[in-house]
Structure formats: structure tokens, C-alpha cells
Protein backbone atom coordinates (compact mmCIF):
# COMPACT_ATOMS: atom_id res chain seq x y z
CA MET A 1 3.64 -11.73 12.52
CA GLY A 2 -0.13 -11.41 12.94
CA ARG A 3 -2.67 -11.09 10.20
CA LEU A 4 -3.33 -7.64 8.73
CA ASP A 5 -6.43 -6.12 10.31
CA TYR A 6 -7.85 -4.12 7.38
CA LEU A 7 -7.55 -3.59 3.67
CA VAL A 8 -9.23 -0.27 2.76
CA THR A 9 -10.18 0.50 -0.84
CA GLY A 10 -10.68 4.10 -1.94
CA ALA A 11 -8.18 5.08 0.76
CA LYS A 12 -7.35 8.44 -0.79
CA GLY A 13 -10.96 9.58 -0.94
CA GLN A 14 -12.74 11.80 1.55
CA LEU A 15 -14.08 8.89 3.61
CA GLY A 16 -11.03 6.71 3.02
CA ARG A 17 -8.70 9.23 4.61
CA ALA A 18 -10.95 9.46 7.67
CA VAL A 19 -11.06 5.67 8.00
CA MET A 20 -7.29 5.26 7.62
CA ALA A 21 -6.62 7.90 10.29
CA LEU A 22 -9.10 6.26 12.66
CA LEU A 23 -7.59 2.80 12.21
CA GLN A 24 -4.17 4.22 12.99
CA ARG A 25 -5.47 5.89 16.15
CA ARG A 26 -7.04 2.61 17.27
CA GLY A 27 -3.80 0.71 16.68
CA LEU A 28 -5.30 -1.45 13.95
CA GLY A 29 -3.02 -2.44 11.09
CA ALA A 30 -4.33 -1.23 7.75
CA LEU A 31 -3.27 -1.20 4.12
CA GLY A 32 -4.93 1.53 2.08
CA VAL A 33 -5.22 1.15 -1.68
CA ASP A 34 -6.67 3.34 -4.39
CA VAL A 35 -6.89 3.14 -8.17
CA GLN A 36 -3.13 3.28 -8.63
CA GLU A 37 -2.59 0.12 -6.57
CA MET A 38 -5.87 -1.69 -7.29
CA PRO A 39 -7.88 -0.48 -10.29
CA LEU A 40 -11.50 -1.40 -9.75
CA GLU A 41 -11.89 -2.19 -13.45
CA ASP A 42 -9.33 -5.00 -13.16
CA ARG A 43 -10.57 -8.26 -11.61
CA ALA A 44 -7.12 -9.83 -11.57
CA ALA A 45 -5.65 -6.82 -9.75
CA ILE A 46 -8.38 -7.03 -7.12
CA GLN A 47 -7.76 -10.75 -6.61
CA ARG A 48 -3.97 -10.26 -6.32
CA THR A 49 -4.25 -7.33 -3.92
CA VAL A 50 -6.69 -8.97 -1.52
CA ALA A 51 -4.89 -12.31 -1.59
CA ALA A 52 -1.49 -10.71 -0.93
CA ALA A 53 -2.83 -8.54 1.91
CA ALA A 54 -4.76 -11.43 3.51
CA PRO A 55 -6.67 -9.05 5.81
CA ARG A 56 -9.14 -9.93 8.54
CA ARG A 57 -11.57 -7.47 6.98
CA VAL A 58 -11.98 -5.43 3.81
CA LEU A 59 -13.57 -1.98 3.97
CA HIS A 60 -14.72 -1.35 0.42
CA LEU A 61 -15.08 2.42 0.05
CA GLY A 62 -13.88 2.79 -3.55
CA ALA A 63 -16.65 3.91 -5.93
CA ILE A 64 -17.67 6.41 -8.55
CA THR A 65 -19.76 8.91 -6.57
CA ASN A 66 -20.39 11.52 -9.27
CA VAL A 67 -24.17 11.05 -9.44
CA ASP A 68 -24.73 13.02 -12.65
CA GLY A 69 -21.59 11.62 -14.23
CA CYS A 70 -22.84 8.08 -13.75
CA ASP A 71 -25.80 8.88 -16.01
CA THR A 72 -23.41 9.94 -18.77
CA ASP A 73 -21.42 6.68 -18.64
CA PRO A 74 -23.72 4.02 -17.16
CA LEU A 75 -21.61 1.07 -18.27
CA LEU A 76 -18.54 2.34 -16.44
CA ALA A 77 -20.60 3.23 -13.38
CA CYS A 78 -22.10 -0.26 -13.19
CA ARG A 79 -18.74 -1.89 -13.83
CA VAL A 80 -16.99 0.02 -11.04
CA ASN A 81 -19.79 0.28 -8.48
CA GLY A 82 -21.49 -3.02 -9.23
CA LEU A 83 -19.28 -5.58 -10.94
CA ALA A 84 -16.07 -4.53 -9.17
CA THR A 85 -17.86 -4.85 -5.84
CA ALA A 86 -18.73 -8.42 -6.81
CA TRP A 87 -15.03 -9.00 -7.49
CA VAL A 88 -14.04 -7.49 -4.15
CA ALA A 89 -16.59 -9.68 -2.37
CA GLU A 90 -15.34 -12.73 -4.26
CA ALA A 91 -11.75 -11.98 -3.26
CA ALA A 92 -12.67 -11.27 0.37
CA ALA A 93 -14.54 -14.58 0.61
CA ALA A 94 -11.58 -16.45 -0.89
CA ALA A 95 -9.28 -14.84 1.69
CA GLY A 96 -11.63 -15.67 4.56
CA ALA A 97 -12.02 -11.95 5.27
CA GLY A 98 -15.02 -9.98 6.46
CA LEU A 99 -16.36 -7.20 4.24
CA VAL A 100 -17.98 -3.84 4.83
CA TYR A 101 -19.34 -2.25 1.65
CA VAL A 102 -20.47 1.38 1.79
CA SER A 103 -23.64 2.04 -0.18
CA THR A 104 -26.09 4.93 -0.46
CA ASP A 105 -29.56 6.28 0.21
CA PHE A 106 -29.85 6.63 -3.56
CA VAL A 107 -30.89 2.98 -3.83
CA PHE A 108 -34.36 4.24 -2.79
CA ASP A 109 -36.90 6.27 -4.77
CA GLY A 110 -37.90 8.56 -1.89
CA THR A 111 -41.58 7.61 -1.76
CA LEU A 112 -41.61 6.67 1.96
CA ALA A 113 -41.81 10.34 2.97
CA GLY A 114 -42.42 11.03 6.64
CA THR A 115 -41.03 7.71 7.87
CA PRO A 116 -37.32 6.88 8.25
CA ILE A 117 -36.43 4.24 5.67
CA PRO A 118 -35.89 0.85 7.35
CA VAL A 119 -33.00 -1.43 6.44
CA ASP A 120 -35.38 -3.96 4.91
CA ALA A 121 -37.22 -1.48 2.66
CA ALA A 122 -37.36 -2.52 -0.99
CA PRO A 123 -34.75 -0.64 -3.04
CA LYS A 124 -35.95 1.18 -6.14
CA PRO A 125 -33.18 3.43 -7.50
CA LEU A 126 -34.02 6.43 -9.67
CA SER A 127 -30.57 7.00 -11.18
CA THR A 128 -27.70 5.06 -12.72
CA TYR A 129 -25.66 5.83 -9.62
CA GLY A 130 -28.32 4.32 -7.36
CA LEU A 131 -28.69 1.32 -9.66
CA SER A 132 -24.94 0.70 -9.79
CA LYS A 133 -24.65 0.81 -6.00
CA ARG A 134 -27.63 -1.53 -5.64
CA LEU A 135 -25.86 -3.99 -7.94
CA GLY A 136 -22.93 -3.84 -5.53
CA GLU A 137 -25.25 -4.48 -2.59
CA GLU A 138 -26.75 -7.52 -4.26
CA ALA A 139 -23.30 -8.92 -5.01
CA VAL A 140 -22.25 -8.65 -1.36
CA LEU A 141 -25.51 -10.00 0.06
CA ALA A 142 -25.57 -12.93 -2.38
CA HIS A 143 -22.66 -14.51 -0.49
CA GLY A 144 -24.80 -14.82 2.64
CA ARG A 145 -21.67 -14.70 4.79
CA PRO A 146 -22.03 -13.62 8.45
CA GLY A 147 -19.14 -11.16 8.16
CA PHE A 148 -20.37 -9.41 5.02
CA HIS A 149 -22.09 -6.06 5.63
CA VAL A 150 -23.77 -3.46 3.43
CA VAL A 151 -23.80 -0.01 5.08
CA ARG A 152 -25.95 2.66 3.47
CA THR A 153 -25.26 6.29 4.26
CA SER A 154 -26.34 9.70 2.96
CA TRP A 155 -25.24 13.24 2.12
CA VAL A 156 -21.60 12.66 3.05
CA PHE A 157 -19.29 15.58 3.82
CA GLY A 158 -15.98 15.84 5.61
CA PRO A 159 -12.73 17.77 6.05
CA GLY A 160 -10.37 17.95 3.12
CA GLY A 161 -12.77 16.87 0.43
CA LYS A 162 -15.16 18.13 -2.21
CA ASN A 163 -18.33 18.70 -0.23
CA PHE A 164 -21.55 20.70 0.07
CA PRO A 165 -20.45 22.93 2.98
CA ARG A 166 -17.38 24.09 1.09
CA ALA A 167 -19.39 24.77 -2.07
CA ILE A 168 -21.92 26.86 -0.14
CA LEU A 169 -19.25 28.87 1.69
CA ASP A 170 -17.18 29.45 -1.44
CA ARG A 171 -20.20 30.80 -3.26
CA ALA A 172 -21.32 32.95 -0.32
CA ARG A 173 -17.86 34.46 0.18
CA SER A 174 -17.53 35.25 -3.51
CA GLY A 175 -20.77 37.24 -3.39
CA GLN A 176 -22.62 34.95 -5.79
CA PRO A 177 -26.35 34.46 -5.22
CA LEU A 178 -27.43 31.24 -3.54
CA LYS A 179 -30.45 29.16 -4.51
CA VAL A 180 -30.85 25.76 -2.87
CA VAL A 181 -33.41 22.98 -3.22
CA THR A 182 -36.12 22.79 -0.57
CA ASP A 183 -37.93 19.57 -1.50
CA GLN A 184 -35.23 16.96 -0.93
CA ILE A 185 -34.92 15.80 2.70
CA GLY A 186 -32.13 13.68 4.13
CA ARG A 187 -29.53 13.20 6.84
CA PRO A 188 -26.13 14.91 6.36
CA THR A 189 -23.31 12.60 7.47
CA MET A 190 -19.76 13.56 8.42
CA THR A 191 -16.92 11.27 7.31
CA LEU A 192 -15.29 11.21 10.75
CA ASP A 193 -18.47 9.99 12.43
CA LEU A 194 -19.21 7.54 9.62
CA ALA A 195 -15.69 6.11 9.90
CA GLU A 196 -16.27 5.42 13.60
CA ALA A 197 -19.53 3.63 12.82
CA LEU A 198 -17.98 1.48 10.08
CA VAL A 199 -15.10 0.31 12.22
CA ASP A 200 -17.34 -0.25 15.26
CA LEU A 201 -19.60 -2.42 13.12
CA ALA A 202 -16.68 -4.43 11.75
CA GLU A 203 -15.05 -4.90 15.16
CA ALA A 204 -18.33 -5.97 16.78
CA ASN A 205 -18.52 -9.08 14.62
CA ALA A 206 -22.12 -8.09 13.99
CA PRO A 207 -24.49 -10.22 11.92
CA GLY A 208 -24.13 -9.80 8.18
CA GLY A 209 -26.70 -7.94 6.13
CA VAL A 210 -27.83 -4.35 5.66
CA TRP A 211 -27.17 -1.49 8.07
CA HIS A 212 -27.85 2.25 7.90
CA ALA A 213 -25.38 4.84 9.19
CA ALA A 214 -26.00 8.60 9.24
CA ASN A 215 -25.76 11.50 11.63
CA GLU A 216 -28.85 12.27 13.70
CA GLY A 217 -31.37 14.86 12.54
CA GLN A 218 -32.82 15.60 9.13
CA CYS A 219 -33.12 18.63 6.89
CA SER A 220 -33.57 19.86 3.35
CA TRP A 221 -30.57 20.98 1.33
CA HIS A 222 -31.88 24.51 1.83
CA ARG A 223 -31.97 24.12 5.62
CA PHE A 224 -28.50 22.56 5.55
CA ALA A 225 -27.18 25.55 3.57
CA GLN A 226 -28.64 27.92 6.14
CA ASP A 227 -27.10 25.87 8.96
CA ILE A 228 -23.71 26.00 7.23
CA LEU A 229 -23.79 29.77 6.83
CA GLN A 230 -24.96 30.28 10.40
CA ALA A 231 -22.20 28.06 11.80
CA ALA A 232 -19.60 29.90 9.71
CA GLY A 233 -20.73 33.33 10.93
CA LEU A 234 -22.41 34.16 7.63
CA GLY A 235 -26.00 33.96 8.79
CA HIS A 236 -26.73 37.30 7.13
CA VAL A 237 -26.28 35.78 3.65
CA ALA A 238 -29.66 35.12 2.03
CA VAL A 239 -30.40 31.67 0.63
CA GLY A 240 -32.98 31.58 -2.13
CA THR A 241 -35.32 28.64 -2.61
CA GLN A 242 -36.05 26.40 -5.54
CA THR A 243 -37.62 23.01 -6.16
CA ALA A 244 -35.68 20.09 -7.58
CA ALA A 245 -37.62 20.54 -10.83
CA ASP A 246 -36.70 24.23 -10.99
CA HIS A 247 -33.05 23.34 -10.44
CA ALA A 248 -33.10 20.74 -13.21
CA ALA A 249 -34.72 23.22 -15.61
CA SER A 250 -32.10 25.88 -14.84
CA VAL A 251 -29.28 23.40 -15.48
CA VAL A 252 -30.75 22.45 -18.86
CA ALA A 253 -31.34 26.11 -19.71
CA ALA A 254 -27.65 26.72 -19.07
CA GLY A 255 -26.81 24.19 -21.78
CA ARG A 256 -25.80 21.29 -19.53
CA PRO A 257 -27.30 17.77 -19.40
CA ALA A 258 -30.23 17.32 -17.06
CA PRO A 259 -29.10 16.19 -13.61
CA ALA A 260 -29.80 12.65 -12.49
CA ALA A 261 -32.99 12.06 -10.55
CA ARG A 262 -32.58 12.14 -6.77
CA PRO A 263 -34.91 10.81 -4.08
CA ALA A 264 -37.04 13.48 -2.43
CA TRP A 265 -36.88 11.61 0.89
CA SER A 266 -33.64 9.94 2.02
CA VAL A 267 -33.97 9.83 5.80
CA LEU A 268 -32.46 6.47 6.75
CA ASP A 269 -33.57 4.59 9.86
CA THR A 270 -30.36 4.06 11.86
CA THR A 271 -31.93 2.38 14.90
CA LYS A 272 -30.30 -1.00 14.22
CA LEU A 273 -26.79 0.43 14.22
CA ALA A 274 -27.44 2.68 17.23
CA GLN A 275 -28.56 -0.36 19.22
CA LEU A 276 -25.42 -2.27 18.27
CA ARG A 277 -23.11 0.61 19.22
CA GLY A 278 -25.09 1.68 22.26
CA ARG A 279 -25.45 5.20 20.88
CA PRO A 280 -26.44 7.01 17.67
CA LEU A 281 -24.09 9.13 15.63
CA PRO A 282 -23.98 12.78 16.78
CA HIS A 283 -26.51 15.28 15.43
CA TYR A 284 -25.56 16.67 12.04
CA THR A 285 -25.33 20.24 13.39
CA ASP A 286 -22.67 19.09 15.86
CA ALA A 287 -20.88 17.29 13.04
CA LEU A 288 -21.07 20.44 10.92
CA ARG A 289 -19.48 22.54 13.66
CA ARG A 290 -16.57 20.09 13.97
CA HIS A 291 -16.23 19.88 10.20
CA LEU A 292 -15.90 23.64 9.82
CA GLU A 293 -13.24 23.78 12.53
CA LEU A 294 -11.18 21.11 10.79
CA ASP A 295 -11.81 22.10 7.17
CA ARG A 296 -11.10 25.82 7.49
CA ASP A 297 -7.65 25.70 5.93
CA ALA A 298 -7.99 22.55 3.80
CA GLN A 299 -7.43 22.87 0.07
CA VAL A 300 -8.36 20.26 -2.54
CA ALA A 301 -7.65 20.79 -6.23
CA PRO A 302 -10.76 20.31 -8.38
CA ASP A 303 -9.17 17.55 -10.44
CA THR A 304 -8.31 15.47 -7.36
CA ALA A 305 -11.59 15.81 -5.48
CA PRO A 306 -13.35 12.45 -5.07
CA GLY A 307 -16.26 11.91 -7.43
CA GLY A 308 -15.21 14.68 -9.80
CA THR A 309 -14.86 12.63 -12.94
CA LEU A 310 -15.44 9.18 -14.35
CA ARG A 311 -12.65 8.50 -16.79
CA GLY A 312 -10.23 10.46 -14.61
CA LYS A 313 -10.39 7.58 -12.09
CA THR A 314 -11.25 9.71 -9.06
CA TYR A 315 -13.14 6.86 -7.46
């Protein structure tokens, strides 16, 4: 019997489900695990799981992605996103496996406005979430192994998950007013397209190091909201504007903790990956159209949506 192709952590999450489905379509053997099978707070469990699976490659997708929640429990965020990633990398190296670790645009502070952020730009996270993911990056890169990859992405959405398009459409259809931030610019990225990029990178036996993966195009959250409504046939719904500072002030005024700081500019330079694959990811508006076709009837309970809580182990 041949060696298992992939061990996928965070397999029940929005991206994990897309990756598992893709691996099945490609005829690649995969074992998907989540917190029930491999708690990321348990080093011994990580070592046992990776050693028993003995995969060719590990796709490490498991993480706490609740950006504001990470600020409320920074120790847990750094343990899961940073220290646990070090444990996964340690176990992958011991098993002789390659590793793809999914990171985030939030490792940057957004000061390179106007220029796509290159893979070798100096990270400077603004939030606990960004810091915790940068700790994970450093743990992976410290091994210096040719098969170890850090893949940063941004503004992820996809069918069957908790995502920005669904939030916008739910609010619009309920008749609630919409106000969306205009001064944060990034690249929306669909899970199905990101999954393709991750597996292509792993299968290409590409050099280790940092890569950026995101759909083509760029927009503000406000523009993205307008695109979502237009694509869903709700272009008549007005979308109000606000700055990130205005949004933070309104959240505090409502009696909730101030939201974590987010980079104003998160447009990642994906040239390196596009050259490897021979093509870029599709434009985000094309991805949005496909997402809405697939997500129309999907239902996800709030307490099972990835990134919804910290202690509830939804990473």
C-alpha cells in the first residue's frame, strides 16, 4: 500500500472542505482532521496523528481566524496559531513530509499602499491575529526545508461557510441599512480557487519559502459589498460608506470591545505563484459569481461557523 498523499488539518473549516473535495477529485489520498481528532493545543496529539498518518505532505489549515477574538485571548491565539504550527512543522519534518501552512495578509501593517505587497516584504502585524500567524510563519521557515511553504492569502470567502458575501446579503434581504468601510483595500479570495493553488503548489515540488495566493483584482470592502449585491440581483440596495475609524467608534458606542486593527492595504503580489502555475487565480468578480451559485442554498449554524469563537474550538 502506497504512502498517504495528504494530511489536512482544519478539514471541517470553510477552506478545509474545499481542499478535501479537490483532493478527492484529483484522486489524491487524504486524511482530514479537525479539533476532535487532533487538538491544536496538544503537542502529543499532533505528533501521534502525523506519525500515524505518515503523509507525503501536510496541509496545515487549522487556525483561530476570529480576528477580534484573538485580541481578547492573545495567549490562546498565539498558542494555536503560532506554537501549534511549530508543533505541526516539527511533526512533519520528523515524518519526512512536506508542509503547506496557510497564513494571512494581516502579517503586514498596510503601509505599502499603491504597490502589491511582495513575498519578501518585512512583516509588521497590527493585531494579535496577525502576530500569531507570523509566529506560525517563522516556525515553518526556521526549518529551512525545501518542501516547507508559507502561503499568505486574504479576504477568504467560500460556499458553505461564514463569510462576507452571506453577511451582506442577509442584511440586505432583511431590510437593515448597510454601511461598509471604504478605506481598507485588498483582494477577495474564494476557497475553491485557493484550494487549487495550494494543491498545485504542493504537487509542483516548488522551492520552500513564502508564496502569496489570492484572486485577481482589488477592491475596498465597500466596493466588494456593491459587487455582491449587483451579482445577486440586489443592485438597487444602497450601501452607505464609513471609514475604519468610524466603524471602530460605532462598535465601541454600541458597548462592544474595539475591533482589532486591520491593515488599510492588503493587496498581495501573487506574481511568483502565477509564474509557477502558468496562470493567475481568476478575477474575484468571477469567483464571486461562482460562489453565489454554489452558496445559494447552503446553511451554516452560527455556532459551527469557522472562526466564530475561541474557546468553542471552531478553529
